[in-house]
Amino acid sequence: MNGMLFLTFVLIFVVGPMLCAVLLRLPTRLSVLIGLGLGAVVSVTLALMLQSMGPMRMLPSLILLWLAWVLAVAMTGHAFLRRIKAPRARRWITLIALLTTTLPWFGLATARVML
């Protein structure tokens, strides 16, 4: 495993779930949901702007797309946590959200296999 692939692995399997866990600990208020949604939209917009600037901006663009994914997963988790009050269900929501942040790795692995 080369350095860039290892960095990507750590980013997706360690930093992503940790960031999502921190975001899920925020109070489940509408303002938090709006902030996470706006953060995801801004991140995607910046990623698209960077992509149009040339091939040297692809890595920052991918990182911003990954950040948008994590923010969107945290926002969805918060939406469920606002509605569901049962403690057992809340634990499952948190666990599923943390596991969902790792899904981009499997897309990258599939793309590598196809090359």
PDB file of N, CA and C in Angstrom:
ATOM      1  N   MET A   1       0.854  -1.171   0.000  1.00  0.00           N
ATOM      2  CA  MET A   1       0.000   0.000   0.000  1.00  0.00           C
ATOM      3  C   MET A   1       0.900   1.235   0.000  1.00  0.00           C
ATOM      4  N   ASN A   2       0.721   2.084  -1.009  1.00  0.00           N
ATOM      5  CA  ASN A   2       1.551   3.287  -1.061  1.00  0.00           C
ATOM      6  C   ASN A   2       1.037   4.353  -0.090  1.00  0.00           C
ATOM      7  N   GLY A   3       1.797   5.429   0.028  1.00  0.00           N
ATOM      8  CA  GLY A   3       1.491   6.462   1.020  1.00  0.00           C
ATOM      9  C   GLY A   3       0.150   7.137   0.817  1.00  0.00           C
ATOM     10  N   MET A   4      -0.185   7.454  -0.429  1.00  0.00           N
ATOM     11  CA  MET A   4      -1.447   8.148  -0.710  1.00  0.00           C
ATOM     12  C   MET A   4      -2.641   7.240  -0.417  1.00  0.00           C
ATOM     13  N   LEU A   5      -2.501   5.965  -0.750  1.00  0.00           N
ATOM     14  CA  LEU A   5      -3.583   5.023  -0.479  1.00  0.00           C
ATOM     15  C   LEU A   5      -3.760   4.832   1.030  1.00  0.00           C
ATOM     16  N   PHE A   6      -2.668   4.774   1.760  1.00  0.00           N
ATOM     17  CA  PHE A   6      -2.745   4.645   3.222  1.00  0.00           C
ATOM     18  C   PHE A   6      -3.388   5.888   3.833  1.00  0.00           C
ATOM     19  N   LEU A   7      -3.012   7.065   3.346  1.00  0.00           N
ATOM     20  CA  LEU A   7      -3.613   8.303   3.840  1.00  0.00           C
ATOM     21  C   LEU A   7      -5.120   8.315   3.572  1.00  0.00           C
ATOM     22  N   THR A   8      -5.520   7.860   2.400  1.00  0.00           N
ATOM     23  CA  THR A   8      -6.938   7.789   2.060  1.00  0.00           C
ATOM     24  C   THR A   8      -7.659   6.812   2.987  1.00  0.00           C
ATOM     25  N   PHE A   9      -7.041   5.670   3.239  1.00  0.00           N
ATOM     26  CA  PHE A   9      -7.618   4.668   4.134  1.00  0.00           C
ATOM     27  C   PHE A   9      -7.835   5.254   5.530  1.00  0.00           C
ATOM     28  N   VAL A  10      -6.820   5.922   6.062  1.00  0.00           N
ATOM     29  CA  VAL A  10      -6.929   6.522   7.400  1.00  0.00           C
ATOM     30  C   VAL A  10      -7.989   7.612   7.415  1.00  0.00           C
ATOM     31  N   LEU A  11      -8.027   8.415   6.365  1.00  0.00           N
ATOM     32  CA  LEU A  11      -9.010   9.495   6.287  1.00  0.00           C
ATOM     33  C   LEU A  11     -10.426   8.926   6.315  1.00  0.00           C
ATOM     34  N   ILE A  12     -10.652   7.861   5.555  1.00  0.00           N
ATOM     35  CA  ILE A  12     -12.003   7.321   5.438  1.00  0.00           C
ATOM     36  C   ILE A  12     -12.394   6.464   6.635  1.00  0.00           C
ATOM     37  N   PHE A  13     -11.486   5.628   7.143  1.00  0.00           N
ATOM     38  CA  PHE A  13     -11.849   4.695   8.200  1.00  0.00           C
ATOM     39  C   PHE A  13     -11.604   5.212   9.615  1.00  0.00           C
ATOM     40  N   VAL A  14     -10.841   6.281   9.773  1.00  0.00           N
ATOM     41  CA  VAL A  14     -10.584   6.812  11.116  1.00  0.00           C
ATOM     42  C   VAL A  14     -11.172   8.215  11.257  1.00  0.00           C
ATOM     43  N   VAL A  15     -10.754   9.118  10.397  1.00  0.00           N
ATOM     44  CA  VAL A  15     -11.171  10.513  10.524  1.00  0.00           C
ATOM     45  C   VAL A  15     -12.665  10.675  10.240  1.00  0.00           C
ATOM     46  N   GLY A  16     -13.168   9.991   9.219  1.00  0.00           N
ATOM     47  CA  GLY A  16     -14.585  10.110   8.872  1.00  0.00           C
ATOM     48  C   GLY A  16     -15.519   9.710  10.000  1.00  0.00           C
ATOM     49  N   PRO A  17     -15.375   8.486  10.532  1.00  0.00           N
ATOM     50  CA  PRO A  17     -16.252   8.114  11.648  1.00  0.00           C
ATOM     51  C   PRO A  17     -16.062   8.989  12.893  1.00  0.00           C
ATOM     52  N   MET A  18     -14.826   9.420  13.162  1.00  0.00           N
ATOM     53  CA  MET A  18     -14.609  10.291  14.318  1.00  0.00           C
ATOM     54  C   MET A  18     -15.301  11.643  14.128  1.00  0.00           C
ATOM     55  N   LEU A  19     -15.183  12.208  12.927  1.00  0.00           N
ATOM     56  CA  LEU A  19     -15.847  13.482  12.645  1.00  0.00           C
ATOM     57  C   LEU A  19     -17.359  13.330  12.753  1.00  0.00           C
ATOM     58  N   CYS A  20     -17.885  12.240  12.218  1.00  0.00           N
ATOM     59  CA  CYS A  20     -19.324  11.999  12.296  1.00  0.00           C
ATOM     60  C   CYS A  20     -19.766  11.831  13.748  1.00  0.00           C
ATOM     61  N   ALA A  21     -18.973  11.122  14.547  1.00  0.00           N
ATOM     62  CA  ALA A  21     -19.318  10.932  15.960  1.00  0.00           C
ATOM     63  C   ALA A  21     -19.366  12.268  16.699  1.00  0.00           C
ATOM     64  N   VAL A  22     -18.408  13.130  16.390  1.00  0.00           N
ATOM     65  CA  VAL A  22     -18.399  14.454  17.022  1.00  0.00           C
ATOM     66  C   VAL A  22     -19.632  15.255  16.591  1.00  0.00           C
ATOM     67  N   LEU A  23     -19.961  15.186  15.306  1.00  0.00           N
ATOM     68  CA  LEU A  23     -21.123  15.930  14.810  1.00  0.00           C
ATOM     69  C   LEU A  23     -22.431  15.378  15.370  1.00  0.00           C
ATOM     70  N   LEU A  24     -22.499  14.076  15.586  1.00  0.00           N
ATOM     71  CA  LEU A  24     -23.726  13.489  16.146  1.00  0.00           C
ATOM     72  C   LEU A  24     -23.901  13.820  17.625  1.00  0.00           C
ATOM     73  N   ARG A  25     -22.843  14.254  18.285  1.00  0.00           N
ATOM     74  CA  ARG A  25     -22.954  14.643  19.692  1.00  0.00           C
ATOM     75  C   ARG A  25     -23.511  16.065  19.856  1.00  0.00           C
ATOM     76  N   LEU A  26     -23.590  16.809  18.754  1.00  0.00           N
ATOM     77  CA  LEU A  26     -24.177  18.156  18.817  1.00  0.00           C
ATOM     78  C   LEU A  26     -25.648  18.033  19.200  1.00  0.00           C
ATOM     79  N   PRO A  27     -26.213  19.074  19.786  1.00  0.00           N
ATOM     80  CA  PRO A  27     -27.637  19.002  20.134  1.00  0.00           C
ATOM     81  C   PRO A  27     -28.490  18.844  18.878  1.00  0.00           C
ATOM     82  N   THR A  28     -29.554  18.063  18.999  1.00  0.00           N
ATOM     83  CA  THR A  28     -30.408  17.801  17.835  1.00  0.00           C
ATOM     84  C   THR A  28     -31.411  18.942  17.663  1.00  0.00           C
ATOM     85  N   ARG A  29     -30.912  20.027  17.163  1.00  0.00           N
ATOM     86  CA  ARG A  29     -31.746  21.204  16.904  1.00  0.00           C
ATOM     87  C   ARG A  29     -31.852  21.417  15.404  1.00  0.00           C
ATOM     88  N   LEU A  30     -32.843  22.168  15.011  1.00  0.00           N
ATOM     89  CA  LEU A  30     -33.020  22.476  13.593  1.00  0.00           C
ATOM     90  C   LEU A  30     -31.841  23.278  13.065  1.00  0.00           C
ATOM     91  N   SER A  31     -31.279  24.152  13.882  1.00  0.00           N
ATOM     92  CA  SER A  31     -30.142  24.960  13.431  1.00  0.00           C
ATOM     93  C   SER A  31     -28.925  24.090  13.109  1.00  0.00           C
ATOM     94  N   VAL A  32     -28.748  23.002  13.845  1.00  0.00           N
ATOM     95  CA  VAL A  32     -27.643  22.084  13.566  1.00  0.00           C
ATOM     96  C   VAL A  32     -27.884  21.375  12.236  1.00  0.00           C
ATOM     97  N   LEU A  33     -29.127  20.945  12.009  1.00  0.00           N
ATOM     98  CA  LEU A  33     -29.456  20.305  10.729  1.00  0.00           C
ATOM     99  C   LEU A  33     -29.212  21.247   9.564  1.00  0.00           C
ATOM    100  N   ILE A  34     -29.630  22.480   9.712  1.00  0.00           N
ATOM    101  CA  ILE A  34     -29.442  23.472   8.640  1.00  0.00           C
ATOM    102  C   ILE A  34     -27.956  23.722   8.421  1.00  0.00           C
ATOM    103  N   GLY A  35     -27.200  23.833   9.497  1.00  0.00           N
ATOM    104  CA  GLY A  35     -25.761  24.047   9.376  1.00  0.00           C
ATOM    105  C   GLY A  35     -25.057  22.894   8.678  1.00  0.00           C
ATOM    106  N   LEU A  36     -25.420  21.654   9.018  1.00  0.00           N
ATOM    107  CA  LEU A  36     -24.818  20.500   8.361  1.00  0.00           C
ATOM    108  C   LEU A  36     -25.193  20.450   6.885  1.00  0.00           C
ATOM    109  N   GLY A  37     -26.447  20.758   6.590  1.00  0.00           N
ATOM    110  CA  GLY A  37     -26.881  20.781   5.192  1.00  0.00           C
ATOM    111  C   GLY A  37     -26.166  21.850   4.391  1.00  0.00           C
ATOM    112  N   LEU A  38     -26.054  23.045   4.956  1.00  0.00           N
ATOM    113  CA  LEU A  38     -25.335  24.119   4.266  1.00  0.00           C
ATOM    114  C   LEU A  38     -23.856  23.783   4.107  1.00  0.00           C
ATOM    115  N   GLY A  39     -23.277  23.156   5.118  1.00  0.00           N
ATOM    116  CA  GLY A  39     -21.872  22.736   5.016  1.00  0.00           C
ATOM    117  C   GLY A  39     -21.658  21.750   3.886  1.00  0.00           C
ATOM    118  N   ALA A  40     -22.590  20.813   3.720  1.00  0.00           N
ATOM    119  CA  ALA A  40     -22.486  19.835   2.639  1.00  0.00           C
ATOM    120  C   ALA A  40     -22.615  20.516   1.278  1.00  0.00           C
ATOM    121  N   VAL A  41     -23.557  21.444   1.156  1.00  0.00           N
ATOM    122  CA  VAL A  41     -23.755  22.142  -0.120  1.00  0.00           C
ATOM    123  C   VAL A  41     -22.533  22.998  -0.460  1.00  0.00           C
ATOM    124  N   VAL A  42     -22.001  23.709   0.512  1.00  0.00           N
ATOM    125  CA  VAL A  42     -20.819  24.544   0.282  1.00  0.00           C
ATOM    126  C   VAL A  42     -19.616  23.677  -0.097  1.00  0.00           C
ATOM    127  N   SER A  43     -19.468  22.542   0.568  1.00  0.00           N
ATOM    128  CA  SER A  43     -18.350  21.649   0.276  1.00  0.00           C
ATOM    129  C   SER A  43     -18.437  21.106  -1.149  1.00  0.00           C
ATOM    130  N   VAL A  44     -19.618  20.698  -1.577  1.00  0.00           N
ATOM    131  CA  VAL A  44     -19.783  20.202  -2.948  1.00  0.00           C
ATOM    132  C   VAL A  44     -19.540  21.322  -3.951  1.00  0.00           C
ATOM    133  N   THR A  45     -20.036  22.512  -3.667  1.00  0.00           N
ATOM    134  CA  THR A  45     -19.836  23.639  -4.567  1.00  0.00           C
ATOM    135  C   THR A  45     -18.355  23.963  -4.723  1.00  0.00           C
ATOM    136  N   LEU A  46     -17.630  24.004  -3.626  1.00  0.00           N
ATOM    137  CA  LEU A  46     -16.188  24.252  -3.699  1.00  0.00           C
ATOM    138  C   LEU A  46     -15.465  23.137  -4.447  1.00  0.00           C
ATOM    139  N   ALA A  47     -15.893  21.895  -4.245  1.00  0.00           N
ATOM    140  CA  ALA A  47     -15.274  20.767  -4.945  1.00  0.00           C
ATOM    141  C   ALA A  47     -15.477  20.895  -6.454  1.00  0.00           C
ATOM    142  N   LEU A  48     -16.663  21.273  -6.865  1.00  0.00           N
ATOM    143  CA  LEU A  48     -16.933  21.440  -8.296  1.00  0.00           C
ATOM    144  C   LEU A  48     -16.149  22.608  -8.886  1.00  0.00           C
ATOM    145  N   MET A  49     -16.008  23.675  -8.113  1.00  0.00           N
ATOM    146  CA  MET A  49     -15.211  24.807  -8.589  1.00  0.00           C
ATOM    147  C   MET A  49     -13.745  24.417  -8.740  1.00  0.00           C
ATOM    148  N   LEU A  50     -13.219  23.651  -7.795  1.00  0.00           N
ATOM    149  CA  LEU A  50     -11.828  23.207  -7.879  1.00  0.00           C
ATOM    150  C   LEU A  50     -11.612  22.258  -9.047  1.00  0.00           C
ATOM    151  N   GLN A  51     -12.579  21.398  -9.337  1.00  0.00           N
ATOM    152  CA  GLN A  51     -12.446  20.464 -10.453  1.00  0.00           C
ATOM    153  C   GLN A  51     -12.314  21.199 -11.776  1.00  0.00           C
ATOM    154  N   SER A  52     -13.017  22.299 -11.905  1.00  0.00           N
ATOM    155  CA  SER A  52     -12.974  23.032 -13.172  1.00  0.00           C
ATOM    156  C   SER A  52     -11.671  23.811 -13.355  1.00  0.00           C
ATOM    157  N   MET A  53     -10.851  23.904 -12.308  1.00  0.00           N
ATOM    158  CA  MET A  53      -9.593  24.647 -12.394  1.00  0.00           C
ATOM    159  C   MET A  53      -8.444  23.812 -12.941  1.00  0.00           C
ATOM    160  N   GLY A  54      -8.656  22.529 -13.147  1.00  0.00           N
ATOM    161  CA  GLY A  54      -7.597  21.719 -13.730  1.00  0.00           C
ATOM    162  C   GLY A  54      -7.286  20.482 -12.930  1.00  0.00           C
ATOM    163  N   PRO A  55      -6.446  19.608 -13.496  1.00  0.00           N
ATOM    164  CA  PRO A  55      -6.163  18.322 -12.863  1.00  0.00           C
ATOM    165  C   PRO A  55      -5.357  18.424 -11.561  1.00  0.00           C
ATOM    166  N   MET A  56      -4.657  19.506 -11.335  1.00  0.00           N
ATOM    167  CA  MET A  56      -3.863  19.646 -10.108  1.00  0.00           C
ATOM    168  C   MET A  56      -4.749  19.870  -8.880  1.00  0.00           C
ATOM    169  N   ARG A  57      -6.004  20.179  -9.107  1.00  0.00           N
ATOM    170  CA  ARG A  57      -6.931  20.452  -7.993  1.00  0.00           C
ATOM    171  C   ARG A  57      -7.833  19.260  -7.685  1.00  0.00           C
ATOM    172  N   MET A  58      -7.525  18.092  -8.231  1.00  0.00           N
ATOM    173  CA  MET A  58      -8.407  16.940  -8.048  1.00  0.00           C
ATOM    174  C   MET A  58      -8.385  16.404  -6.616  1.00  0.00           C
ATOM    175  N   LEU A  59      -7.232  16.341  -5.990  1.00  0.00           N
ATOM    176  CA  LEU A  59      -7.167  15.809  -4.624  1.00  0.00           C
ATOM    177  C   LEU A  59      -7.942  16.675  -3.637  1.00  0.00           C
ATOM    178  N   PRO A  60      -7.747  17.992  -3.626  1.00  0.00           N
ATOM    179  CA  PRO A  60      -8.584  18.810  -2.729  1.00  0.00           C
ATOM    180  C   PRO A  60     -10.074  18.688  -3.052  1.00  0.00           C
ATOM    181  N   SER A  61     -10.382  18.534  -4.335  1.00  0.00           N
ATOM    182  CA  SER A  61     -11.777  18.377  -4.735  1.00  0.00           C
ATOM    183  C   SER A  61     -12.358  17.078  -4.184  1.00  0.00           C
ATOM    184  N   LEU A  62     -11.603  15.986  -4.255  1.00  0.00           N
ATOM    185  CA  LEU A  62     -12.078  14.711  -3.708  1.00  0.00           C
ATOM    186  C   LEU A  62     -12.238  14.775  -2.189  1.00  0.00           C
ATOM    187  N   ILE A  63     -11.323  15.464  -1.535  1.00  0.00           N
ATOM    188  CA  ILE A  63     -11.423  15.600  -0.077  1.00  0.00           C
ATOM    189  C   ILE A  63     -12.676  16.398   0.293  1.00  0.00           C
ATOM    190  N   LEU A  64     -12.978  17.431  -0.471  1.00  0.00           N
ATOM    191  CA  LEU A  64     -14.193  18.206  -0.204  1.00  0.00           C
ATOM    192  C   LEU A  64     -15.455  17.385  -0.470  1.00  0.00           C
ATOM    193  N   LEU A  65     -15.425  16.551  -1.504  1.00  0.00           N
ATOM    194  CA  LEU A  65     -16.571  15.670  -1.757  1.00  0.00           C
ATOM    195  C   LEU A  65     -16.748  14.662  -0.619  1.00  0.00           C
ATOM    196  N   TRP A  66     -15.627  14.148  -0.114  1.00  0.00           N
ATOM    197  CA  TRP A  66     -15.692  13.239   1.025  1.00  0.00           C
ATOM    198  C   TRP A  66     -16.269  13.953   2.248  1.00  0.00           C
ATOM    199  N   LEU A  67     -15.830  15.188   2.490  1.00  0.00           N
ATOM    200  CA  LEU A  67     -16.352  15.968   3.608  1.00  0.00           C
ATOM    201  C   LEU A  67     -17.854  16.198   3.461  1.00  0.00           C
ATOM    202  N   ALA A  68     -18.292  16.480   2.246  1.00  0.00           N
ATOM    203  CA  ALA A  68     -19.727  16.662   2.004  1.00  0.00           C
ATOM    204  C   ALA A  68     -20.493  15.382   2.326  1.00  0.00           C
ATOM    205  N   TRP A  69     -19.907  14.231   1.982  1.00  0.00           N
ATOM    206  CA  TRP A  69     -20.536  12.951   2.296  1.00  0.00           C
ATOM    207  C   TRP A  69     -20.686  12.775   3.812  1.00  0.00           C
ATOM    208  N   VAL A  70     -19.619  13.036   4.541  1.00  0.00           N
ATOM    209  CA  VAL A  70     -19.662  12.879   5.998  1.00  0.00           C
ATOM    210  C   VAL A  70     -20.686  13.849   6.599  1.00  0.00           C
ATOM    211  N   LEU A  71     -20.720  15.069   6.123  1.00  0.00           N
ATOM    212  CA  LEU A  71     -21.697  16.037   6.628  1.00  0.00           C
ATOM    213  C   LEU A  71     -23.124  15.606   6.310  1.00  0.00           C
ATOM    214  N   ALA A  72     -23.342  15.068   5.120  1.00  0.00           N
ATOM    215  CA  ALA A  72     -24.681  14.603   4.747  1.00  0.00           C
ATOM    216  C   ALA A  72     -25.110  13.409   5.603  1.00  0.00           C
ATOM    217  N   VAL A  73     -24.178  12.494   5.882  1.00  0.00           N
ATOM    218  CA  VAL A  73     -24.501  11.353   6.739  1.00  0.00           C
ATOM    219  C   VAL A  73     -24.825  11.836   8.159  1.00  0.00           C
ATOM    220  N   ALA A  74     -24.043  12.771   8.671  1.00  0.00           N
ATOM    221  CA  ALA A  74     -24.306  13.311  10.013  1.00  0.00           C
ATOM    222  C   ALA A  74     -25.646  14.040  10.045  1.00  0.00           C
ATOM    223  N   MET A  75     -25.965  14.755   8.981  1.00  0.00           N
ATOM    224  CA  MET A  75     -27.248  15.457   8.920  1.00  0.00           C
ATOM    225  C   MET A  75     -28.404  14.457   8.924  1.00  0.00           C
ATOM    226  N   THR A  76     -28.269  13.378   8.167  1.00  0.00           N
ATOM    227  CA  THR A  76     -29.315  12.352   8.144  1.00  0.00           C
ATOM    228  C   THR A  76     -29.441  11.684   9.512  1.00  0.00           C
ATOM    229  N   GLY A  77     -28.314  11.402  10.145  1.00  0.00           N
ATOM    230  CA  GLY A  77     -28.348  10.834  11.488  1.00  0.00           C
ATOM    231  C   GLY A  77     -29.054  11.758  12.469  1.00  0.00           C
ATOM    232  N   HIS A  78     -28.760  13.043  12.373  1.00  0.00           N
ATOM    233  CA  HIS A  78     -29.426  14.013  13.250  1.00  0.00           C
ATOM    234  C   HIS A  78     -30.925  14.055  13.000  1.00  0.00           C
ATOM    235  N   ALA A  79     -31.328  13.971  11.736  1.00  0.00           N
ATOM    236  CA  ALA A  79     -32.757  13.990  11.422  1.00  0.00           C
ATOM    237  C   ALA A  79     -33.464  12.797  12.058  1.00  0.00           C
ATOM    238  N   PHE A  80     -32.831  11.623  11.998  1.00  0.00           N
ATOM    239  CA  PHE A  80     -33.421  10.451  12.650  1.00  0.00           C
ATOM    240  C   PHE A  80     -33.409  10.593  14.174  1.00  0.00           C
ATOM    241  N   LEU A  81     -32.317  11.113  14.712  1.00  0.00           N
ATOM    242  CA  LEU A  81     -32.233  11.268  16.167  1.00  0.00           C
ATOM    243  C   LEU A  81     -33.269  12.259  16.690  1.00  0.00           C
ATOM    244  N   ARG A  82     -33.642  13.244  15.880  1.00  0.00           N
ATOM    245  CA  ARG A  82     -34.674  14.197  16.290  1.00  0.00           C
ATOM    246  C   ARG A  82     -36.030  13.522  16.421  1.00  0.00           C
ATOM    247  N   ARG A  83     -36.285  12.539  15.575  1.00  0.00           N
ATOM    248  CA  ARG A  83     -37.601  11.892  15.532  1.00  0.00           C
ATOM    249  C   ARG A  83     -37.727  10.689  16.453  1.00  0.00           C
ATOM    250  N   ILE A  84     -36.636   9.959  16.634  1.00  0.00           N
ATOM    251  CA  ILE A  84     -36.697   8.701  17.373  1.00  0.00           C
ATOM    252  C   ILE A  84     -36.069   8.908  18.747  1.00  0.00           C
ATOM    253  N   LYS A  85     -36.801   8.600  19.777  1.00  0.00           N
ATOM    254  CA  LYS A  85     -36.341   8.836  21.147  1.00  0.00           C
ATOM    255  C   LYS A  85     -35.948   7.563  21.890  1.00  0.00           C
ATOM    256  N   ALA A  86     -36.237   6.394  21.339  1.00  0.00           N
ATOM    257  CA  ALA A  86     -35.906   5.134  22.018  1.00  0.00           C
ATOM    258  C   ALA A  86     -34.382   4.968  22.080  1.00  0.00           C
ATOM    259  N   PRO A  87     -33.819   4.688  23.264  1.00  0.00           N
ATOM    260  CA  PRO A  87     -32.356   4.620  23.408  1.00  0.00           C
ATOM    261  C   PRO A  87     -31.699   3.557  22.524  1.00  0.00           C
ATOM    262  N   ARG A  88     -32.336   2.409  22.411  1.00  0.00           N
ATOM    263  CA  ARG A  88     -31.748   1.338  21.590  1.00  0.00           C
ATOM    264  C   ARG A  88     -31.710   1.743  20.113  1.00  0.00           C
ATOM    265  N   ALA A  89     -32.781   2.327  19.638  1.00  0.00           N
ATOM    266  CA  ALA A  89     -32.829   2.782  18.246  1.00  0.00           C
ATOM    267  C   ALA A  89     -31.811   3.897  18.011  1.00  0.00           C
ATOM    268  N   ARG A  90     -31.618   4.765  18.979  1.00  0.00           N
ATOM    269  CA  ARG A  90     -30.645   5.848  18.843  1.00  0.00           C
ATOM    270  C   ARG A  90     -29.219   5.294  18.726  1.00  0.00           C
ATOM    271  N   ARG A  91     -28.925   4.227  19.463  1.00  0.00           N
ATOM    272  CA  ARG A  91     -27.604   3.595  19.338  1.00  0.00           C
ATOM    273  C   ARG A  91     -27.412   3.010  17.954  1.00  0.00           C
ATOM    274  N   TRP A  92     -28.459   2.377  17.419  1.00  0.00           N
ATOM    275  CA  TRP A  92     -28.368   1.817  16.073  1.00  0.00           C
ATOM    276  C   TRP A  92     -28.192   2.914  15.026  1.00  0.00           C
ATOM    277  N   ILE A  93     -28.887   4.010  15.192  1.00  0.00           N
ATOM    278  CA  ILE A  93     -28.755   5.135  14.256  1.00  0.00           C
ATOM    279  C   ILE A  93     -27.315   5.644  14.259  1.00  0.00           C
ATOM    280  N   THR A  94     -26.746   5.795  15.441  1.00  0.00           N
ATOM    281  CA  THR A  94     -25.363   6.270  15.550  1.00  0.00           C
ATOM    282  C   THR A  94     -24.402   5.273  14.917  1.00  0.00           C
ATOM    283  N   LEU A  95     -24.577   4.006  15.193  1.00  0.00           N
ATOM    284  CA  LEU A  95     -23.698   2.974  14.628  1.00  0.00           C
ATOM    285  C   LEU A  95     -23.788   2.935  13.112  1.00  0.00           C
ATOM    286  N   ILE A  96     -24.991   2.982  12.580  1.00  0.00           N
ATOM    287  CA  ILE A  96     -25.164   2.947  11.126  1.00  0.00           C
ATOM    288  C   ILE A  96     -24.569   4.195  10.482  1.00  0.00           C
ATOM    289  N   ALA A  97     -24.732   5.342  11.103  1.00  0.00           N
ATOM    290  CA  ALA A  97     -24.144   6.571  10.560  1.00  0.00           C
ATOM    291  C   ALA A  97     -22.615   6.475  10.526  1.00  0.00           C
ATOM    292  N   LEU A  98     -22.022   5.962  11.597  1.00  0.00           N
ATOM    293  CA  LEU A  98     -20.562   5.828  11.633  1.00  0.00           C
ATOM    294  C   LEU A  98     -20.070   4.858  10.573  1.00  0.00           C
ATOM    295  N   LEU A  99     -20.772   3.763  10.392  1.00  0.00           N
ATOM    296  CA  LEU A  99     -20.372   2.796   9.363  1.00  0.00           C
ATOM    297  C   LEU A  99     -20.593   3.334   7.950  1.00  0.00           C
ATOM    298  N   THR A 100     -21.614   4.142   7.781  1.00  0.00           N
ATOM    299  CA  THR A 100     -21.924   4.685   6.460  1.00  0.00           C
ATOM    300  C   THR A 100     -20.846   5.659   5.981  1.00  0.00           C
ATOM    301  N   THR A 101     -20.146   6.299   6.889  1.00  0.00           N
ATOM    302  CA  THR A 101     -19.100   7.233   6.458  1.00  0.00           C
ATOM    303  C   THR A 101     -17.963   6.524   5.729  1.00  0.00           C
ATOM    304  N   THR A 102     -17.852   5.202   5.865  1.00  0.00           N
ATOM    305  CA  THR A 102     -16.764   4.462   5.211  1.00  0.00           C
ATOM    306  C   THR A 102     -17.117   4.015   3.796  1.00  0.00           C
ATOM    307  N   LEU A 103     -18.329   4.229   3.340  1.00  0.00           N
ATOM    308  CA  LEU A 103     -18.743   3.759   2.018  1.00  0.00           C
ATOM    309  C   LEU A 103     -17.891   4.296   0.858  1.00  0.00           C
ATOM    310  N   PRO A 104     -17.368   5.512   0.890  1.00  0.00           N
ATOM    311  CA  PRO A 104     -16.536   5.962  -0.233  1.00  0.00           C
ATOM    312  C   PRO A 104     -15.322   5.067  -0.482  1.00  0.00           C
ATOM    313  N   TRP A 105     -14.804   4.415   0.555  1.00  0.00           N
ATOM    314  CA  TRP A 105     -13.658   3.526   0.352  1.00  0.00           C
ATOM    315  C   TRP A 105     -14.001   2.412  -0.626  1.00  0.00           C
ATOM    316  N   PHE A 106     -15.200   1.876  -0.507  1.00  0.00           N
ATOM    317  CA  PHE A 106     -15.579   0.762  -1.359  1.00  0.00           C
ATOM    318  C   PHE A 106     -15.777   1.215  -2.804  1.00  0.00           C
ATOM    319  N   GLY A 107     -16.205   2.455  -2.993  1.00  0.00           N
ATOM    320  CA  GLY A 107     -16.268   3.008  -4.345  1.00  0.00           C
ATOM    321  C   GLY A 107     -14.882   3.176  -4.939  1.00  0.00           C
ATOM    322  N   LEU A 108     -13.940   3.669  -4.130  1.00  0.00           N
ATOM    323  CA  LEU A 108     -12.559   3.812  -4.606  1.00  0.00           C
ATOM    324  C   LEU A 108     -11.938   2.455  -4.903  1.00  0.00           C
ATOM    325  N   ALA A 109     -12.189   1.465  -4.044  1.00  0.00           N
ATOM    326  CA  ALA A 109     -11.641   0.122  -4.272  1.00  0.00           C
ATOM    327  C   ALA A 109     -12.223  -0.484  -5.544  1.00  0.00           C
ATOM    328  N   THR A 110     -13.494  -0.287  -5.783  1.00  0.00           N
ATOM    329  CA  THR A 110     -14.114  -0.797  -7.006  1.00  0.00           C
ATOM    330  C   THR A 110     -13.521  -0.113  -8.232  1.00  0.00           C
ATOM    331  N   ALA A 111     -13.304   1.180  -8.154  1.00  0.00           N
ATOM    332  CA  ALA A 111     -12.716   1.904  -9.283  1.00  0.00           C
ATOM    333  C   ALA A 111     -11.290   1.419  -9.565  1.00  0.00           C
ATOM    334  N   ARG A 112     -10.538   1.133  -8.512  1.00  0.00           N
ATOM    335  CA  ARG A 112      -9.167   0.621  -8.702  1.00  0.00           C
ATOM    336  C   ARG A 112      -9.168  -0.739  -9.368  1.00  0.00           C
ATOM    337  N   VAL A 113     -10.128  -1.580  -9.025  1.00  0.00           N
ATOM    338  CA  VAL A 113     -10.218  -2.906  -9.625  1.00  0.00           C
ATOM    339  C   VAL A 113     -10.563  -2.789 -11.112  1.00  0.00           C
ATOM    340  N   MET A 114     -11.372  -1.814 -11.466  1.00  0.00           N
ATOM    341  CA  MET A 114     -11.804  -1.669 -12.855  1.00  0.00           C
ATOM    342  C   MET A 114     -10.707  -1.121 -13.763  1.00  0.00           C
ATOM    343  N   LEU A 115      -9.678  -0.497 -13.194  1.00  0.00           N
ATOM    344  CA  LEU A 115      -8.608   0.072 -14.023  1.00  0.00           C
ATOM    345  C   LEU A 115      -7.704  -0.965 -14.580  1.00  0.00           C
TER     346      LEU A 115
END
